[in-house]
């Protein structure tokens, strides 16, 4: 299964982003959607799994949960918006990870692209950075990868250039 992982669109969508959506089997959005037009457009093209973020309004919060906990090909995924990262998880997140024991932990919020193993908890942590144009990030990034035989394969950073372009 080909996954496109994004976060922090902050209501921004463009044709370049949609080209990558069209190449995926599923799109995962780790919060701060910004406007339901973003998720509606994605859902017209591909299946979407998403969580709401701290900037998202009541409409988005009614449509998407605060967290997603699911399996893909026997691979356990847990996704929230504000999660931190290994050695510096947000309050309460490490306890949830110990309880849920996911293979992959996904979050957004920081606008900082990060893929790192958490050896203590035995999981892979991913933050795709930010794909929107609002925020302090310099580059617009996403991640894409495949889940095959319960493993992440062909992981790559999608770099859509400078935030202001």
C-alpha atoms as a PDB file:
ATOM      1  CA  UNK A   1       0.000   0.000   0.000  1.00  0.00           C
ATOM      2  CA  UNK A   2       1.391   3.401  -1.040  1.00  0.00           C
ATOM      3  CA  UNK A   3       0.929   6.062   1.638  1.00  0.00           C
ATOM      4  CA  UNK A   4       1.240   9.839   1.354  1.00  0.00           C
ATOM      5  CA  UNK A   5       1.714  11.393   4.798  1.00  0.00           C
ATOM      6  CA  UNK A   6       1.145  15.108   5.296  1.00  0.00           C
ATOM      7  CA  UNK A   7       0.463  17.567   8.071  1.00  0.00           C
ATOM      8  CA  UNK A   8      -0.162  21.235   8.688  1.00  0.00           C
ATOM      9  CA  UNK A   9      -1.803  22.202   5.409  1.00  0.00           C
ATOM     10  CA  UNK A  10      -3.363  25.194   7.200  1.00  0.00           C
ATOM     11  CA  UNK A  11      -6.072  25.365   4.487  1.00  0.00           C
ATOM     12  CA  UNK A  12      -3.554  25.330   1.635  1.00  0.00           C
ATOM     13  CA  UNK A  13      -3.881  23.033  -1.368  1.00  0.00           C
ATOM     14  CA  UNK A  14      -2.275  23.215  -4.798  1.00  0.00           C
ATOM     15  CA  UNK A  15      -1.980  21.138  -7.968  1.00  0.00           C
ATOM     16  CA  UNK A  16       1.540  19.979  -7.150  1.00  0.00           C
ATOM     17  CA  UNK A  17       0.350  18.482  -3.865  1.00  0.00           C
ATOM     18  CA  UNK A  18      -2.570  16.821  -5.663  1.00  0.00           C
ATOM     19  CA  UNK A  19      -0.185  15.142  -8.111  1.00  0.00           C
ATOM     20  CA  UNK A  20       1.261  13.241  -5.139  1.00  0.00           C
ATOM     21  CA  UNK A  21      -2.205  12.511  -3.752  1.00  0.00           C
ATOM     22  CA  UNK A  22      -3.088  10.862  -7.064  1.00  0.00           C
ATOM     23  CA  UNK A  23      -0.057   8.545  -6.800  1.00  0.00           C
ATOM     24  CA  UNK A  24      -1.023   7.211  -3.354  1.00  0.00           C
ATOM     25  CA  UNK A  25      -3.343   4.407  -2.323  1.00  0.00           C
ATOM     26  CA  UNK A  26      -4.183   6.280   0.886  1.00  0.00           C
ATOM     27  CA  UNK A  27      -3.465   9.741   2.251  1.00  0.00           C
ATOM     28  CA  UNK A  28      -2.843  10.304   5.950  1.00  0.00           C
ATOM     29  CA  UNK A  29      -3.124  13.823   7.401  1.00  0.00           C
ATOM     30  CA  UNK A  30      -1.643  14.447  10.851  1.00  0.00           C
ATOM     31  CA  UNK A  31      -3.706  17.533  11.701  1.00  0.00           C
ATOM     32  CA  UNK A  32      -3.955  21.291  11.331  1.00  0.00           C
ATOM     33  CA  UNK A  33      -6.071  20.794   8.238  1.00  0.00           C
ATOM     34  CA  UNK A  34      -7.333  24.367   8.347  1.00  0.00           C
ATOM     35  CA  UNK A  35     -10.360  24.022   6.097  1.00  0.00           C
ATOM     36  CA  UNK A  36     -12.583  21.110   5.113  1.00  0.00           C
ATOM     37  CA  UNK A  37     -11.998  21.977   1.438  1.00  0.00           C
ATOM     38  CA  UNK A  38      -8.551  20.370   1.872  1.00  0.00           C
ATOM     39  CA  UNK A  39      -9.911  17.064   3.128  1.00  0.00           C
ATOM     40  CA  UNK A  40     -12.909  17.121   0.769  1.00  0.00           C
ATOM     41  CA  UNK A  41     -10.570  17.513  -2.207  1.00  0.00           C
ATOM     42  CA  UNK A  42      -8.358  14.654  -1.018  1.00  0.00           C
ATOM     43  CA  UNK A  43     -11.349  12.396  -0.308  1.00  0.00           C
ATOM     44  CA  UNK A  44     -12.659  12.928  -3.833  1.00  0.00           C
ATOM     45  CA  UNK A  45      -9.415  11.347  -5.089  1.00  0.00           C
ATOM     46  CA  UNK A  46      -8.199   8.875  -2.460  1.00  0.00           C
ATOM     47  CA  UNK A  47      -9.139   7.303   0.877  1.00  0.00           C
ATOM     48  CA  UNK A  48      -8.119   9.589   3.740  1.00  0.00           C
ATOM     49  CA  UNK A  49      -7.240   8.985   7.374  1.00  0.00           C
ATOM     50  CA  UNK A  50      -6.868  12.197   9.351  1.00  0.00           C
ATOM     51  CA  UNK A  51      -6.814  13.677  12.827  1.00  0.00           C
ATOM     52  CA  UNK A  52      -7.678  17.210  13.788  1.00  0.00           C
ATOM     53  CA  UNK A  53      -5.080  19.664  15.023  1.00  0.00           C
ATOM     54  CA  UNK A  54      -5.065  22.589  17.391  1.00  0.00           C
ATOM     55  CA  UNK A  55      -6.060  25.152  14.715  1.00  0.00           C
ATOM     56  CA  UNK A  56      -8.968  23.105  13.355  1.00  0.00           C
ATOM     57  CA  UNK A  57     -12.515  24.344  13.842  1.00  0.00           C
ATOM     58  CA  UNK A  58     -15.625  22.551  15.091  1.00  0.00           C
ATOM     59  CA  UNK A  59     -16.580  21.336  11.613  1.00  0.00           C
ATOM     60  CA  UNK A  60     -13.271  19.511  11.155  1.00  0.00           C
ATOM     61  CA  UNK A  61     -13.335  18.223  14.749  1.00  0.00           C
ATOM     62  CA  UNK A  62     -16.746  16.670  14.084  1.00  0.00           C
ATOM     63  CA  UNK A  63     -15.462  14.889  10.978  1.00  0.00           C
ATOM     64  CA  UNK A  64     -12.081  13.681  12.254  1.00  0.00           C
ATOM     65  CA  UNK A  65     -10.964  12.333  15.638  1.00  0.00           C
ATOM     66  CA  UNK A  66      -8.158  13.608  17.872  1.00  0.00           C
ATOM     67  CA  UNK A  67      -6.319  10.320  17.316  1.00  0.00           C
ATOM     68  CA  UNK A  68      -6.284   7.407  14.898  1.00  0.00           C
ATOM     69  CA  UNK A  69      -5.245   3.907  15.951  1.00  0.00           C
ATOM     70  CA  UNK A  70      -5.344   1.406  13.080  1.00  0.00           C
ATOM     71  CA  UNK A  71      -3.711  -1.545  11.344  1.00  0.00           C
ATOM     72  CA  UNK A  72      -2.410  -1.742   7.776  1.00  0.00           C
ATOM     73  CA  UNK A  73      -1.153  -5.159   6.678  1.00  0.00           C
ATOM     74  CA  UNK A  74      -0.619  -6.199  10.337  1.00  0.00           C
ATOM     75  CA  UNK A  75       1.361  -2.969  10.886  1.00  0.00           C
ATOM     76  CA  UNK A  76       0.053  -0.959  13.853  1.00  0.00           C
ATOM     77  CA  UNK A  77      -0.177   2.828  13.340  1.00  0.00           C
ATOM     78  CA  UNK A  78      -1.019   5.478  15.921  1.00  0.00           C
ATOM     79  CA  UNK A  79      -1.491   9.101  14.806  1.00  0.00           C
ATOM     80  CA  UNK A  80      -2.217  12.352  16.675  1.00  0.00           C
ATOM     81  CA  UNK A  81      -1.410  15.972  15.932  1.00  0.00           C
ATOM     82  CA  UNK A  82       0.616  17.081  18.969  1.00  0.00           C
ATOM     83  CA  UNK A  83       2.958  14.293  19.936  1.00  0.00           C
ATOM     84  CA  UNK A  84       6.502  15.509  20.311  1.00  0.00           C
ATOM     85  CA  UNK A  85       9.303  13.093  19.499  1.00  0.00           C
ATOM     86  CA  UNK A  86      11.444  10.435  21.211  1.00  0.00           C
ATOM     87  CA  UNK A  87      13.094  11.760  24.361  1.00  0.00           C
ATOM     88  CA  UNK A  88      10.673  14.713  24.292  1.00  0.00           C
ATOM     89  CA  UNK A  89       7.112  13.461  23.880  1.00  0.00           C
ATOM     90  CA  UNK A  90       4.181  15.743  24.649  1.00  0.00           C
ATOM     91  CA  UNK A  91       2.510  15.247  28.027  1.00  0.00           C
ATOM     92  CA  UNK A  92       0.781  11.874  28.261  1.00  0.00           C
ATOM     93  CA  UNK A  93       1.933  10.654  24.843  1.00  0.00           C
ATOM     94  CA  UNK A  94       4.643   8.303  26.060  1.00  0.00           C
ATOM     95  CA  UNK A  95       2.149   6.567  28.366  1.00  0.00           C
ATOM     96  CA  UNK A  96      -0.255   6.107  25.424  1.00  0.00           C
ATOM     97  CA  UNK A  97       2.537   4.706  23.279  1.00  0.00           C
ATOM     98  CA  UNK A  98       3.517   2.240  26.010  1.00  0.00           C
ATOM     99  CA  UNK A  99      -0.107   1.134  26.259  1.00  0.00           C
ATOM    100  CA  UNK A 100      -0.914   0.956  22.544  1.00  0.00           C
ATOM    101  CA  UNK A 101       2.498  -0.379  21.381  1.00  0.00           C
ATOM    102  CA  UNK A 102       2.306   0.850  17.771  1.00  0.00           C
ATOM    103  CA  UNK A 103       4.910   0.023  15.148  1.00  0.00           C
ATOM    104  CA  UNK A 104       4.604   3.556  13.760  1.00  0.00           C
ATOM    105  CA  UNK A 105       3.836   6.757  15.655  1.00  0.00           C
ATOM    106  CA  UNK A 106       2.855   9.770  13.531  1.00  0.00           C
ATOM    107  CA  UNK A 107       2.359  13.363  14.579  1.00  0.00           C
ATOM    108  CA  UNK A 108       2.541  16.847  13.089  1.00  0.00           C
ATOM    109  CA  UNK A 109       2.377  20.250  14.789  1.00  0.00           C
ATOM    110  CA  UNK A 110       6.081  21.148  14.978  1.00  0.00           C
ATOM    111  CA  UNK A 111       6.468  21.804  11.219  1.00  0.00           C
ATOM    112  CA  UNK A 112       9.791  19.942  11.577  1.00  0.00           C
ATOM    113  CA  UNK A 113      10.376  16.957   9.308  1.00  0.00           C
ATOM    114  CA  UNK A 114      11.574  14.044  11.415  1.00  0.00           C
ATOM    115  CA  UNK A 115      11.885  10.288  10.969  1.00  0.00           C
ATOM    116  CA  UNK A 116      13.584   8.534  13.869  1.00  0.00           C
ATOM    117  CA  UNK A 117      13.538   5.183  15.620  1.00  0.00           C
ATOM    118  CA  UNK A 118      12.539   5.168  19.260  1.00  0.00           C
ATOM    119  CA  UNK A 119      14.603   2.226  20.460  1.00  0.00           C
ATOM    120  CA  UNK A 120      13.236   2.473  23.997  1.00  0.00           C
ATOM    121  CA  UNK A 121       9.615   2.004  22.866  1.00  0.00           C
ATOM    122  CA  UNK A 122      10.410  -0.100  19.791  1.00  0.00           C
ATOM    123  CA  UNK A 123       8.657   2.096  17.259  1.00  0.00           C
ATOM    124  CA  UNK A 124       9.305   4.334  14.288  1.00  0.00           C
ATOM    125  CA  UNK A 125       8.379   7.994  14.725  1.00  0.00           C
ATOM    126  CA  UNK A 126       7.402  10.155  11.728  1.00  0.00           C
ATOM    127  CA  UNK A 127       6.578  13.819  11.436  1.00  0.00           C
ATOM    128  CA  UNK A 128       6.160  14.883   7.788  1.00  0.00           C
ATOM    129  CA  UNK A 129       6.908  18.545   8.483  1.00  0.00           C
ATOM    130  CA  UNK A 130       4.429  21.058   7.061  1.00  0.00           C
ATOM    131  CA  UNK A 131       2.994  21.171   3.551  1.00  0.00           C
ATOM    132  CA  UNK A 132       1.079  24.430   3.909  1.00  0.00           C
ATOM    133  CA  UNK A 133       2.417  27.945   3.530  1.00  0.00           C
ATOM    134  CA  UNK A 134       1.712  29.231   7.059  1.00  0.00           C
ATOM    135  CA  UNK A 135       4.294  28.835   9.799  1.00  0.00           C
ATOM    136  CA  UNK A 136       7.994  29.177  10.381  1.00  0.00           C
ATOM    137  CA  UNK A 137       9.155  26.209   8.280  1.00  0.00           C
ATOM    138  CA  UNK A 138      11.424  26.995   5.346  1.00  0.00           C
ATOM    139  CA  UNK A 139      10.409  24.112   3.057  1.00  0.00           C
ATOM    140  CA  UNK A 140       7.110  22.424   2.356  1.00  0.00           C
ATOM    141  CA  UNK A 141       7.533  18.704   2.987  1.00  0.00           C
ATOM    142  CA  UNK A 142       5.582  15.455   3.088  1.00  0.00           C
ATOM    143  CA  UNK A 143       6.577  11.810   3.327  1.00  0.00           C
ATOM    144  CA  UNK A 144       5.622   8.926   1.127  1.00  0.00           C
ATOM    145  CA  UNK A 145       6.284   5.266   1.690  1.00  0.00           C
ATOM    146  CA  UNK A 146       4.877   1.806   1.203  1.00  0.00           C
ATOM    147  CA  UNK A 147       3.698  -0.692   3.766  1.00  0.00           C
ATOM    148  CA  UNK A 148       4.431  -4.180   2.463  1.00  0.00           C
ATOM    149  CA  UNK A 149       4.610  -7.389   4.471  1.00  0.00           C
ATOM    150  CA  UNK A 150       4.191  -5.385   7.689  1.00  0.00           C
ATOM    151  CA  UNK A 151       7.218  -3.219   6.936  1.00  0.00           C
ATOM    152  CA  UNK A 152       7.887   0.361   5.824  1.00  0.00           C
ATOM    153  CA  UNK A 153       9.599   0.392   2.447  1.00  0.00           C
ATOM    154  CA  UNK A 154      10.654   3.014  -0.105  1.00  0.00           C
ATOM    155  CA  UNK A 155      10.425   5.898   2.364  1.00  0.00           C
ATOM    156  CA  UNK A 156      11.117   9.246   0.742  1.00  0.00           C
ATOM    157  CA  UNK A 157      10.816  12.928   1.541  1.00  0.00           C
ATOM    158  CA  UNK A 158       8.660  14.943  -0.844  1.00  0.00           C
ATOM    159  CA  UNK A 159      10.095  18.459  -0.976  1.00  0.00           C
ATOM    160  CA  UNK A 160       7.764  20.972  -2.631  1.00  0.00           C
ATOM    161  CA  UNK A 161      10.206  23.851  -2.275  1.00  0.00           C
ATOM    162  CA  UNK A 162      10.323  26.992  -0.211  1.00  0.00           C
ATOM    163  CA  UNK A 163       7.272  27.946   1.801  1.00  0.00           C
ATOM    164  CA  UNK A 164       6.842  31.299   0.050  1.00  0.00           C
ATOM    165  CA  UNK A 165       6.826  29.926  -3.504  1.00  0.00           C
END
